[in-house]
PDB file of N, CA and C in Angstrom:
ATOM      1  N   MET A   1      75.064 -10.755  35.485  1.00  0.00           N
ATOM      2  CA  MET A   1      73.659 -10.759  35.737  1.00  0.00           C
ATOM      3  C   MET A   1      72.911  -9.485  35.468  1.00  0.00           C
ATOM      4  N   GLY A   2      73.495  -8.367  35.843  1.00  0.00           N
ATOM      5  CA  GLY A   2      72.874  -6.987  35.675  1.00  0.00           C
ATOM      6  C   GLY A   2      72.640  -6.794  34.355  1.00  0.00           C
ATOM      7  N   ILE A   3      73.484  -7.003  33.231  1.00  0.00           N
ATOM      8  CA  ILE A   3      73.293  -6.674  31.865  1.00  0.00           C
ATOM      9  C   ILE A   3      72.186  -7.641  31.250  1.00  0.00           C
ATOM     10  N   ARG A   4      71.851  -8.794  31.722  1.00  0.00           N
ATOM     11  CA  ARG A   4      71.015  -9.761  31.394  1.00  0.00           C
ATOM     12  C   ARG A   4      69.624  -9.185  31.723  1.00  0.00           C
ATOM     13  N   LEU A   5      69.597  -8.793  33.009  1.00  0.00           N
ATOM     14  CA  LEU A   5      68.333  -8.127  33.559  1.00  0.00           C
ATOM     15  C   LEU A   5      67.939  -6.910  32.702  1.00  0.00           C
ATOM     16  N   LEU A   6      68.888  -6.019  32.537  1.00  0.00           N
ATOM     17  CA  LEU A   6      68.688  -4.808  31.735  1.00  0.00           C
ATOM     18  C   LEU A   6      68.256  -5.157  30.168  1.00  0.00           C
ATOM     19  N   ILE A   7      68.756  -6.112  29.497  1.00  0.00           N
ATOM     20  CA  ILE A   7      68.328  -6.496  28.070  1.00  0.00           C
ATOM     21  C   ILE A   7      67.073  -6.952  28.420  1.00  0.00           C
ATOM     22  N   PHE A   8      66.726  -7.953  29.337  1.00  0.00           N
ATOM     23  CA  PHE A   8      65.344  -8.574  29.424  1.00  0.00           C
ATOM     24  C   PHE A   8      64.206  -7.361  29.515  1.00  0.00           C
ATOM     25  N   MET A   9      64.598  -6.368  30.488  1.00  0.00           N
ATOM     26  CA  MET A   9      63.743  -5.346  30.574  1.00  0.00           C
ATOM     27  C   MET A   9      63.430  -4.510  29.331  1.00  0.00           C
ATOM     28  N   CYS A  10      64.466  -4.294  28.822  1.00  0.00           N
ATOM     29  CA  CYS A  10      64.363  -3.532  27.376  1.00  0.00           C
ATOM     30  C   CYS A  10      63.443  -4.252  26.410  1.00  0.00           C
ATOM     31  N   LEU A  11      63.753  -5.560  26.332  1.00  0.00           N
ATOM     32  CA  LEU A  11      62.926  -6.298  25.593  1.00  0.00           C
ATOM     33  C   LEU A  11      61.371  -6.345  25.844  1.00  0.00           C
ATOM     34  N   ILE A  12      61.305  -6.609  27.370  1.00  0.00           N
ATOM     35  CA  ILE A  12      59.708  -6.459  27.829  1.00  0.00           C
ATOM     36  C   ILE A  12      59.061  -5.009  27.266  1.00  0.00           C
ATOM     37  N   ILE A  13      59.871  -4.096  27.507  1.00  0.00           N
ATOM     38  CA  ILE A  13      59.334  -2.565  27.092  1.00  0.00           C
ATOM     39  C   ILE A  13      59.134  -2.533  25.637  1.00  0.00           C
ATOM     40  N   MET A  14      60.028  -3.133  24.794  1.00  0.00           N
ATOM     41  CA  MET A  14      59.894  -3.128  23.358  1.00  0.00           C
ATOM     42  C   MET A  14      58.597  -3.906  22.992  1.00  0.00           C
ATOM     43  N   ILE A  15      58.371  -4.975  23.549  1.00  0.00           N
ATOM     44  CA  ILE A  15      57.172  -5.801  23.163  1.00  0.00           C
ATOM     45  C   ILE A  15      56.028  -5.189  23.539  1.00  0.00           C
ATOM     46  N   SER A  16      55.901  -4.615  24.693  1.00  0.00           N
ATOM     47  CA  SER A  16      54.703  -3.919  25.074  1.00  0.00           C
ATOM     48  C   SER A  16      54.449  -2.648  24.454  1.00  0.00           C
ATOM     49  N   ALA A  17      55.547  -2.025  23.787  1.00  0.00           N
ATOM     50  CA  ALA A  17      55.210  -0.806  23.232  1.00  0.00           C
ATOM     51  C   ALA A  17      54.835  -1.096  21.856  1.00  0.00           C
ATOM     52  N   LEU A  18      54.947  -2.251  21.197  1.00  0.00           N
ATOM     53  CA  LEU A  18      54.654  -2.608  19.823  1.00  0.00           C
ATOM     54  C   LEU A  18      52.995  -2.567  19.738  1.00  0.00           C
ATOM     55  N   PRO A  19      52.457  -1.874  18.609  1.00  0.00           N
ATOM     56  CA  PRO A  19      50.970  -1.858  18.630  1.00  0.00           C
ATOM     57  C   PRO A  19      50.427  -3.297  18.256  1.00  0.00           C
ATOM     58  N   ASN A  20      49.447  -3.487  19.024  1.00  0.00           N
ATOM     59  CA  ASN A  20      48.620  -4.740  18.856  1.00  0.00           C
ATOM     60  C   ASN A  20      47.254  -4.318  18.062  1.00  0.00           C
ATOM     61  N   ARG A  21      47.069  -5.137  17.123  1.00  0.00           N
ATOM     62  CA  ARG A  21      45.979  -5.036  16.289  1.00  0.00           C
ATOM     63  C   ARG A  21      44.549  -5.082  17.097  1.00  0.00           C
ATOM     64  N   GLU A  22      44.348  -6.019  17.986  1.00  0.00           N
ATOM     65  CA  GLU A  22      43.239  -5.925  18.807  1.00  0.00           C
ATOM     66  C   GLU A  22      43.036  -4.847  19.476  1.00  0.00           C
ATOM     67  N   HIS A  23      44.097  -4.379  20.215  1.00  0.00           N
ATOM     68  CA  HIS A  23      43.991  -3.088  20.985  1.00  0.00           C
ATOM     69  C   HIS A  23      43.570  -2.003  20.041  1.00  0.00           C
ATOM     70  N   ARG A  24      44.297  -1.816  18.822  1.00  0.00           N
ATOM     71  CA  ARG A  24      43.889  -0.758  18.025  1.00  0.00           C
ATOM     72  C   ARG A  24      42.485  -0.648  17.624  1.00  0.00           C
ATOM     73  N   ASN A  25      42.253  -1.993  17.186  1.00  0.00           N
ATOM     74  CA  ASN A  25      40.535  -2.059  16.712  1.00  0.00           C
ATOM     75  C   ASN A  25      39.761  -1.620  18.045  1.00  0.00           C
ATOM     76  N   ARG A  26      39.898  -1.971  19.086  1.00  0.00           N
ATOM     77  CA  ARG A  26      39.165  -1.647  20.212  1.00  0.00           C
ATOM     78  C   ARG A  26      39.118  -0.335  20.555  1.00  0.00           C
ATOM     79  N   ARG A  27      40.417   0.357  20.385  1.00  0.00           N
ATOM     80  CA  ARG A  27      40.478   1.772  20.639  1.00  0.00           C
ATOM     81  C   ARG A  27      39.636   2.472  19.378  1.00  0.00           C
ATOM     82  N   ASP A  28      39.770   2.248  18.205  1.00  0.00           N
ATOM     83  CA  ASP A  28      39.135   2.799  17.252  1.00  0.00           C
ATOM     84  C   ASP A  28      37.554   2.733  17.517  1.00  0.00           C
ATOM     85  N   VAL A  29      37.025   1.312  17.910  1.00  0.00           N
ATOM     86  CA  VAL A  29      35.624   1.344  18.235  1.00  0.00           C
ATOM     87  C   VAL A  29      35.221   2.213  19.206  1.00  0.00           C
ATOM     88  N   MET A  30      36.063   2.473  20.259  1.00  0.00           N
ATOM     89  CA  MET A  30      35.418   3.183  21.509  1.00  0.00           C
ATOM     90  C   MET A  30      35.673   4.724  20.818  1.00  0.00           C
ATOM     91  N   ASP A  31      36.651   5.113  20.086  1.00  0.00           N
ATOM     92  CA  ASP A  31      36.492   6.468  19.377  1.00  0.00           C
ATOM     93  C   ASP A  31      35.256   6.713  18.629  1.00  0.00           C
ATOM     94  N   THR A  32      35.078   5.842  17.938  1.00  0.00           N
ATOM     95  CA  THR A  32      33.866   5.856  17.025  1.00  0.00           C
ATOM     96  C   THR A  32      32.578   5.926  17.928  1.00  0.00           C
ATOM     97  N   MET A  33      32.616   5.240  18.935  1.00  0.00           N
ATOM     98  CA  MET A  33      31.440   5.392  19.743  1.00  0.00           C
ATOM     99  C   MET A  33      31.225   6.655  20.414  1.00  0.00           C
ATOM    100  N   LYS A  34      32.279   7.076  20.898  1.00  0.00           N
ATOM    101  CA  LYS A  34      32.442   8.279  21.784  1.00  0.00           C
ATOM    102  C   LYS A  34      32.064   9.670  20.686  1.00  0.00           C
ATOM    103  N   HIS A  35      32.537   9.603  19.338  1.00  0.00           N
ATOM    104  CA  HIS A  35      32.291  10.480  18.347  1.00  0.00           C
ATOM    105  C   HIS A  35      30.631  10.529  18.248  1.00  0.00           C
ATOM    106  N   ALA A  36      30.264   9.241  18.020  1.00  0.00           N
ATOM    107  CA  ALA A  36      28.751   9.316  17.909  1.00  0.00           C
ATOM    108  C   ALA A  36      28.112   9.862  18.825  1.00  0.00           C
ATOM    109  N   TRP A  37      28.386   9.411  20.214  1.00  0.00           N
ATOM    110  CA  TRP A  37      27.716   9.879  21.328  1.00  0.00           C
ATOM    111  C   TRP A  37      27.858  11.412  21.483  1.00  0.00           C
ATOM    112  N   ASP A  38      28.848  12.126  21.145  1.00  0.00           N
ATOM    113  CA  ASP A  38      29.033  13.679  21.085  1.00  0.00           C
ATOM    114  C   ASP A  38      28.226  14.149  20.077  1.00  0.00           C
ATOM    115  N   GLU A  39      27.895  13.311  18.819  1.00  0.00           N
ATOM    116  CA  GLU A  39      26.923  13.790  17.838  1.00  0.00           C
ATOM    117  C   GLU A  39      25.547  13.929  18.321  1.00  0.00           C
ATOM    118  N   VAL A  40      25.126  12.790  18.959  1.00  0.00           N
ATOM    119  CA  VAL A  40      23.825  12.666  19.534  1.00  0.00           C
ATOM    120  C   VAL A  40      23.406  13.719  20.410  1.00  0.00           C
ATOM    121  N   VAL A  41      24.440  14.087  21.420  1.00  0.00           N
ATOM    122  CA  VAL A  41      24.298  15.055  22.197  1.00  0.00           C
ATOM    123  C   VAL A  41      24.277  16.405  21.672  1.00  0.00           C
ATOM    124  N   LYS A  42      24.957  16.678  20.621  1.00  0.00           N
ATOM    125  CA  LYS A  42      24.766  18.072  20.024  1.00  0.00           C
ATOM    126  C   LYS A  42      23.570  18.000  19.263  1.00  0.00           C
ATOM    127  N   THR A  43      23.059  16.980  18.729  1.00  0.00           N
ATOM    128  CA  THR A  43      21.699  17.093  17.910  1.00  0.00           C
ATOM    129  C   THR A  43      20.569  17.286  18.896  1.00  0.00           C
ATOM    130  N   PHE A  44      20.706  16.687  20.113  1.00  0.00           N
ATOM    131  CA  PHE A  44      19.662  16.912  21.082  1.00  0.00           C
ATOM    132  C   PHE A  44      19.738  18.587  21.573  1.00  0.00           C
ATOM    133  N   ASN A  45      20.927  19.009  21.722  1.00  0.00           N
ATOM    134  CA  ASN A  45      21.089  20.302  22.216  1.00  0.00           C
ATOM    135  C   ASN A  45      20.318  21.394  21.128  1.00  0.00           C
ATOM    136  N   ASP A  46      20.922  21.002  19.992  1.00  0.00           N
ATOM    137  CA  ASP A  46      20.207  21.756  18.744  1.00  0.00           C
ATOM    138  C   ASP A  46      18.886  21.675  18.722  1.00  0.00           C
ATOM    139  N   ALA A  47      18.224  20.535  18.901  1.00  0.00           N
ATOM    140  CA  ALA A  47      16.706  20.268  18.701  1.00  0.00           C
ATOM    141  C   ALA A  47      15.931  20.944  19.960  1.00  0.00           C
ATOM    142  N   GLY A  48      16.789  21.033  21.208  1.00  0.00           N
ATOM    143  CA  GLY A  48      16.033  21.558  22.346  1.00  0.00           C
ATOM    144  C   GLY A  48      16.225  23.198  22.193  1.00  0.00           C
ATOM    145  N   ASP A  49      17.266  23.849  21.478  1.00  0.00           N
ATOM    146  CA  ASP A  49      17.254  25.099  21.046  1.00  0.00           C
ATOM    147  C   ASP A  49      16.230  25.495  19.984  1.00  0.00           C
ATOM    148  N   ALA A  50      16.088  24.712  19.113  1.00  0.00           N
ATOM    149  CA  ALA A  50      14.913  24.844  18.174  1.00  0.00           C
ATOM    150  C   ALA A  50      13.538  25.046  18.749  1.00  0.00           C
ATOM    151  N   VAL A  51      13.309  24.219  19.573  1.00  0.00           N
ATOM    152  CA  VAL A  51      11.881  23.967  20.522  1.00  0.00           C
ATOM    153  C   VAL A  51      11.739  25.318  21.189  1.00  0.00           C
ATOM    154  N   VAL A  52      12.759  25.811  22.064  1.00  0.00           N
ATOM    155  CA  VAL A  52      12.801  27.098  22.654  1.00  0.00           C
ATOM    156  C   VAL A  52      12.587  28.163  21.886  1.00  0.00           C
ATOM    157  N   HIS A  53      13.206  28.423  20.733  1.00  0.00           N
ATOM    158  CA  HIS A  53      12.897  29.304  19.709  1.00  0.00           C
ATOM    159  C   HIS A  53      11.626  29.575  19.083  1.00  0.00           C
ATOM    160  N   VAL A  54      11.058  28.358  19.029  1.00  0.00           N
ATOM    161  CA  VAL A  54       9.611  28.241  18.476  1.00  0.00           C
ATOM    162  C   VAL A  54       8.607  28.758  19.546  1.00  0.00           C
ATOM    163  N   PHE A  55       8.732  28.750  20.749  1.00  0.00           N
ATOM    164  CA  PHE A  55       7.915  29.144  21.678  1.00  0.00           C
ATOM    165  C   PHE A  55       8.351  30.506  22.424  1.00  0.00           C
ATOM    166  N   LYS A  56       9.694  30.749  22.327  1.00  0.00           N
ATOM    167  CA  LYS A  56      10.113  32.139  22.581  1.00  0.00           C
ATOM    168  C   LYS A  56      11.169  32.727  21.593  1.00  0.00           C
ATOM    169  N   PRO A  57      10.616  33.313  20.451  1.00  0.00           N
ATOM    170  CA  PRO A  57      11.546  33.616  19.440  1.00  0.00           C
ATOM    171  C   PRO A  57      12.475  34.940  19.903  1.00  0.00           C
ATOM    172  N   THR A  58      13.614  34.770  19.477  1.00  0.00           N
ATOM    173  CA  THR A  58      14.536  35.786  19.888  1.00  0.00           C
ATOM    174  C   THR A  58      14.356  37.096  18.967  1.00  0.00           C
ATOM    175  N   GLU A  59      14.029  36.908  17.637  1.00  0.00           N
ATOM    176  CA  GLU A  59      13.743  38.032  16.798  1.00  0.00           C
ATOM    177  C   GLU A  59      12.369  38.360  16.763  1.00  0.00           C
ATOM    178  N   LYS A  60      12.038  39.666  16.479  1.00  0.00           N
ATOM    179  CA  LYS A  60      10.839  40.168  16.327  1.00  0.00           C
ATOM    180  C   LYS A  60      10.029  39.381  15.193  1.00  0.00           C
ATOM    181  N   SER A  61       8.721  39.251  15.444  1.00  0.00           N
ATOM    182  CA  SER A  61       7.957  38.741  14.240  1.00  0.00           C
ATOM    183  C   SER A  61       7.696  39.918  13.314  1.00  0.00           C
ATOM    184  N   ILE A  62       7.270  39.515  12.175  1.00  0.00           N
ATOM    185  CA  ILE A  62       7.120  40.494  10.959  1.00  0.00           C
ATOM    186  C   ILE A  62       6.109  41.607  11.509  1.00  0.00           C
ATOM    187  N   ILE A  63       4.996  41.096  12.151  1.00  0.00           N
ATOM    188  CA  ILE A  63       3.898  42.150  12.506  1.00  0.00           C
ATOM    189  C   ILE A  63       4.450  43.023  13.599  1.00  0.00           C
ATOM    190  N   ASP A  64       5.585  42.507  14.341  1.00  0.00           N
ATOM    191  CA  ASP A  64       6.069  43.497  15.363  1.00  0.00           C
ATOM    192  C   ASP A  64       6.935  44.531  14.743  1.00  0.00           C
ATOM    193  N   LYS A  65       7.729  44.085  13.747  1.00  0.00           N
ATOM    194  CA  LYS A  65       8.468  44.951  12.868  1.00  0.00           C
ATOM    195  C   LYS A  65       7.673  45.960  11.900  1.00  0.00           C
ATOM    196  N   MET A  66       6.410  45.576  11.640  1.00  0.00           N
ATOM    197  CA  MET A  66       5.745  46.530  10.844  1.00  0.00           C
ATOM    198  C   MET A  66       4.970  47.537  11.834  1.00  0.00           C
ATOM    199  N   ALA A  67       4.821  47.182  13.003  1.00  0.00           N
ATOM    200  CA  ALA A  67       4.061  48.135  13.994  1.00  0.00           C
ATOM    201  C   ALA A  67       5.247  49.114  14.395  1.00  0.00           C
ATOM    202  N   ASP A  68       6.693  48.604  14.599  1.00  0.00           N
ATOM    203  CA  ASP A  68       7.536  49.407  14.828  1.00  0.00           C
ATOM    204  C   ASP A  68       7.803  50.483  13.623  1.00  0.00           C
ATOM    205  N   GLY A  69       7.667  50.073  12.472  1.00  0.00           N
ATOM    206  CA  GLY A  69       7.781  50.860  11.508  1.00  0.00           C
ATOM    207  C   GLY A  69       6.669  51.968  11.346  1.00  0.00           C
ATOM    208  N   ILE A  70       5.474  51.641  11.714  1.00  0.00           N
ATOM    209  CA  ILE A  70       4.550  52.689  11.607  1.00  0.00           C
ATOM    210  C   ILE A  70       4.604  53.567  12.737  1.00  0.00           C
ATOM    211  N   LYS A  71       5.200  53.138  13.910  1.00  0.00           N
ATOM    212  CA  LYS A  71       5.300  54.070  15.043  1.00  0.00           C
ATOM    213  C   LYS A  71       6.631  55.029  14.776  1.00  0.00           C
ATOM    214  N   GLY A  72       7.566  54.349  14.123  1.00  0.00           N
ATOM    215  CA  GLY A  72       8.550  55.351  13.569  1.00  0.00           C
ATOM    216  C   GLY A  72       8.051  56.406  12.547  1.00  0.00           C
ATOM    217  N   LEU A  73       7.146  56.157  11.764  1.00  0.00           N
ATOM    218  CA  LEU A  73       6.629  57.003  10.940  1.00  0.00           C
ATOM    219  C   LEU A  73       5.817  58.275  11.408  1.00  0.00           C
ATOM    220  N   THR A  74       5.055  57.741  12.539  1.00  0.00           N
ATOM    221  CA  THR A  74       4.195  58.801  13.102  1.00  0.00           C
ATOM    222  C   THR A  74       5.027  59.656  13.998  1.00  0.00           C
ATOM    223  N   ASN A  75       6.113  59.336  14.629  1.00  0.00           N
ATOM    224  CA  ASN A  75       6.849  60.067  15.470  1.00  0.00           C
ATOM    225  C   ASN A  75       7.934  60.983  14.677  1.00  0.00           C
TER     226      ASN A  75
END
């Protein structure tokens, strides 16, 4: 009786371990949706950074660079 139960359990484990096409398709769709959402979040972050840089640039403007160059010549 014990060996039959062991064989039955092994058979159940093997059947559950076999890949199911429906589950694979569902997983692929979920992975695609997750990847698309990550891309949307990245795009919004990049767009937000671009808006911040428009109103608060991190580099000096050309006029500021020219003014610094003139100050450097006079010193």
